[in-house]
Amino acid sequence: MTTSFSSFAEFYPFYLSEHANTISRRLHFVGSTGVLACVVSGIVGGNAWWYLAAVSCGYGFAWVGHFFFEHNRPATFRHPIYSFLGDWAMYRNILRGKVRL
């Protein structure tokens, strides 16, 4: 059953609840940092393969967190846009100390 959300503000608490496991959040953080590094490498080096590496890095770390530590299905499958925004909101909130790592 898919829950519908009328806004990102409504979705984000659900997103955080799907990331309750500390190891999963850490894996998301490492993956997102890797995404940023790959994108910068793609821009600086002019090699588009880095963008594929960015996608693989981001989803790879996140999905390991979900399948092996959270034991849930990534929200990306049900809410791709909100999930993408949630990844970066959680990343920002980890950096700000609002979400525990």
C-alpha atoms as a PDB file:
ATOM      1  CA  MET A   1       0.000   0.000   0.000  1.00  0.00           C
ATOM      2  CA  THR A   2       1.413   3.366  -1.029  1.00  0.00           C
ATOM      3  CA  THR A   3       0.874   6.356   1.219  1.00  0.00           C
ATOM      4  CA  SER A   4       0.346   9.639  -0.572  1.00  0.00           C
ATOM      5  CA  PHE A   5       1.806  12.896   0.629  1.00  0.00           C
ATOM      6  CA  SER A   6       0.562  16.347  -0.324  1.00  0.00           C
ATOM      7  CA  SER A   7       3.900  18.082   0.341  1.00  0.00           C
ATOM      8  CA  PHE A   8       7.539  17.451   1.067  1.00  0.00           C
ATOM      9  CA  ALA A   9       7.016  18.803   4.596  1.00  0.00           C
ATOM     10  CA  GLU A  10       4.466  16.042   5.120  1.00  0.00           C
ATOM     11  CA  PHE A  11       6.773  13.416   3.569  1.00  0.00           C
ATOM     12  CA  TYR A  12      10.003  14.259   5.425  1.00  0.00           C
ATOM     13  CA  PRO A  13       9.007  12.838   8.863  1.00  0.00           C
ATOM     14  CA  PHE A  14       8.070   9.588   7.086  1.00  0.00           C
ATOM     15  CA  TYR A  15      11.426   9.670   5.288  1.00  0.00           C
ATOM     16  CA  LEU A  16      13.299  10.044   8.587  1.00  0.00           C
ATOM     17  CA  SER A  17      11.321   7.164  10.091  1.00  0.00           C
ATOM     18  CA  GLU A  18      12.539   4.983   7.207  1.00  0.00           C
ATOM     19  CA  HIS A  19      16.114   5.874   8.235  1.00  0.00           C
ATOM     20  CA  ALA A  20      16.002   5.078  11.952  1.00  0.00           C
ATOM     21  CA  ASN A  21      19.064   2.808  11.871  1.00  0.00           C
ATOM     22  CA  THR A  22      22.325   4.659  12.576  1.00  0.00           C
ATOM     23  CA  ILE A  23      24.358   2.526  10.174  1.00  0.00           C
ATOM     24  CA  SER A  24      21.846   3.154   7.412  1.00  0.00           C
ATOM     25  CA  ARG A  25      22.051   6.930   7.963  1.00  0.00           C
ATOM     26  CA  ARG A  26      25.846   6.725   7.929  1.00  0.00           C
ATOM     27  CA  LEU A  27      25.769   4.781   4.671  1.00  0.00           C
ATOM     28  CA  HIS A  28      23.448   7.405   3.168  1.00  0.00           C
ATOM     29  CA  PHE A  29      25.809  10.153   4.314  1.00  0.00           C
ATOM     30  CA  VAL A  30      28.867   8.411   2.839  1.00  0.00           C
ATOM     31  CA  GLY A  31      26.998   7.760  -0.408  1.00  0.00           C
ATOM     32  CA  SER A  32      25.832  11.364  -0.697  1.00  0.00           C
ATOM     33  CA  THR A  33      29.345  12.634  -0.008  1.00  0.00           C
ATOM     34  CA  GLY A  34      30.578  10.269  -2.717  1.00  0.00           C
ATOM     35  CA  VAL A  35      27.958  11.669  -5.102  1.00  0.00           C
ATOM     36  CA  LEU A  36      29.262  15.188  -4.513  1.00  0.00           C
ATOM     37  CA  ALA A  37      32.858  14.042  -5.052  1.00  0.00           C
ATOM     38  CA  CYS A  38      31.941  12.239  -8.280  1.00  0.00           C
ATOM     39  CA  VAL A  39      30.012  15.227  -9.645  1.00  0.00           C
ATOM     40  CA  VAL A  40      32.927  17.558  -8.880  1.00  0.00           C
ATOM     41  CA  SER A  41      35.310  15.083 -10.533  1.00  0.00           C
ATOM     42  CA  GLY A  42      33.057  14.969 -13.590  1.00  0.00           C
ATOM     43  CA  ILE A  43      32.989  18.750 -13.842  1.00  0.00           C
ATOM     44  CA  VAL A  44      36.718  19.244 -13.227  1.00  0.00           C
ATOM     45  CA  GLY A  45      37.881  16.312 -15.316  1.00  0.00           C
ATOM     46  CA  GLY A  46      35.328  16.647 -18.074  1.00  0.00           C
ATOM     47  CA  ASN A  47      34.634  12.933 -17.966  1.00  0.00           C
ATOM     48  CA  ALA A  48      30.928  12.025 -18.041  1.00  0.00           C
ATOM     49  CA  TRP A  49      31.591   8.565 -16.562  1.00  0.00           C
ATOM     50  CA  TRP A  50      31.843  10.274 -13.176  1.00  0.00           C
ATOM     51  CA  TYR A  51      28.112  11.045 -13.361  1.00  0.00           C
ATOM     52  CA  LEU A  52      27.318   7.357 -13.723  1.00  0.00           C
ATOM     53  CA  ALA A  53      29.656   6.710 -10.801  1.00  0.00           C
ATOM     54  CA  ALA A  54      27.733   9.346  -8.802  1.00  0.00           C
ATOM     55  CA  VAL A  55      24.414   7.567  -9.345  1.00  0.00           C
ATOM     56  CA  SER A  56      25.959   4.184  -8.507  1.00  0.00           C
ATOM     57  CA  CYS A  57      27.609   5.542  -5.390  1.00  0.00           C
ATOM     58  CA  GLY A  58      24.505   7.276  -4.082  1.00  0.00           C
ATOM     59  CA  TYR A  59      22.080   4.438  -4.656  1.00  0.00           C
ATOM     60  CA  GLY A  60      24.580   1.716  -3.823  1.00  0.00           C
ATOM     61  CA  PHE A  61      25.317   2.924  -0.313  1.00  0.00           C
ATOM     62  CA  ALA A  62      21.683   3.859   0.355  1.00  0.00           C
ATOM     63  CA  TRP A  63      20.274   0.536  -0.791  1.00  0.00           C
ATOM     64  CA  VAL A  64      22.776  -1.435   1.288  1.00  0.00           C
ATOM     65  CA  GLY A  65      21.525   0.573   4.256  1.00  0.00           C
ATOM     66  CA  HIS A  66      17.907  -0.256   3.497  1.00  0.00           C
ATOM     67  CA  PHE A  67      18.211  -3.909   2.552  1.00  0.00           C
ATOM     68  CA  PHE A  68      20.747  -4.995   5.177  1.00  0.00           C
ATOM     69  CA  PHE A  69      20.198  -2.643   8.127  1.00  0.00           C
ATOM     70  CA  GLU A  70      16.742  -1.036   7.900  1.00  0.00           C
ATOM     71  CA  HIS A  71      15.155  -4.141   6.356  1.00  0.00           C
ATOM     72  CA  ASN A  72      12.754  -1.962   4.388  1.00  0.00           C
ATOM     73  CA  ARG A  73      12.171  -0.980   0.799  1.00  0.00           C
ATOM     74  CA  PRO A  74      13.755   2.357  -0.225  1.00  0.00           C
ATOM     75  CA  ALA A  75      11.256   5.204  -0.538  1.00  0.00           C
ATOM     76  CA  THR A  76      12.797   5.886  -3.962  1.00  0.00           C
ATOM     77  CA  PHE A  77      10.606   3.142  -5.410  1.00  0.00           C
ATOM     78  CA  ARG A  78       7.381   4.779  -4.210  1.00  0.00           C
ATOM     79  CA  HIS A  79       8.250   8.478  -3.988  1.00  0.00           C
ATOM     80  CA  PRO A  80      11.287   9.169  -6.212  1.00  0.00           C
ATOM     81  CA  ILE A  81      11.225  12.987  -6.177  1.00  0.00           C
ATOM     82  CA  TYR A  82      10.450  13.370  -2.477  1.00  0.00           C
ATOM     83  CA  SER A  83      13.012  10.687  -1.673  1.00  0.00           C
ATOM     84  CA  PHE A  84      15.719  12.513  -3.635  1.00  0.00           C
ATOM     85  CA  LEU A  85      14.871  15.733  -1.798  1.00  0.00           C
ATOM     86  CA  GLY A  86      14.783  13.799   1.483  1.00  0.00           C
ATOM     87  CA  ASP A  87      18.303  12.461   0.926  1.00  0.00           C
ATOM     88  CA  TRP A  88      19.673  15.966   0.594  1.00  0.00           C
ATOM     89  CA  ALA A  89      17.556  17.403   3.405  1.00  0.00           C
ATOM     90  CA  MET A  90      18.810  14.636   5.717  1.00  0.00           C
ATOM     91  CA  TYR A  91      22.399  15.237   4.532  1.00  0.00           C
ATOM     92  CA  ARG A  92      22.060  18.953   5.304  1.00  0.00           C
ATOM     93  CA  ASN A  93      20.468  18.210   8.673  1.00  0.00           C
ATOM     94  CA  ILE A  94      23.258  15.774   9.565  1.00  0.00           C
ATOM     95  CA  LEU A  95      25.819  18.480   8.767  1.00  0.00           C
ATOM     96  CA  ARG A  96      23.870  20.947  10.922  1.00  0.00           C
ATOM     97  CA  GLY A  97      23.625  18.474  13.802  1.00  0.00           C
ATOM     98  CA  LYS A  98      19.836  18.224  13.566  1.00  0.00           C
ATOM     99  CA  VAL A  99      19.897  14.547  12.588  1.00  0.00           C
ATOM    100  CA  ARG A 100      22.166  12.259  14.525  1.00  0.00           C
ATOM    101  CA  LEU A 101      24.830  10.343  12.604  1.00  0.00           C
END
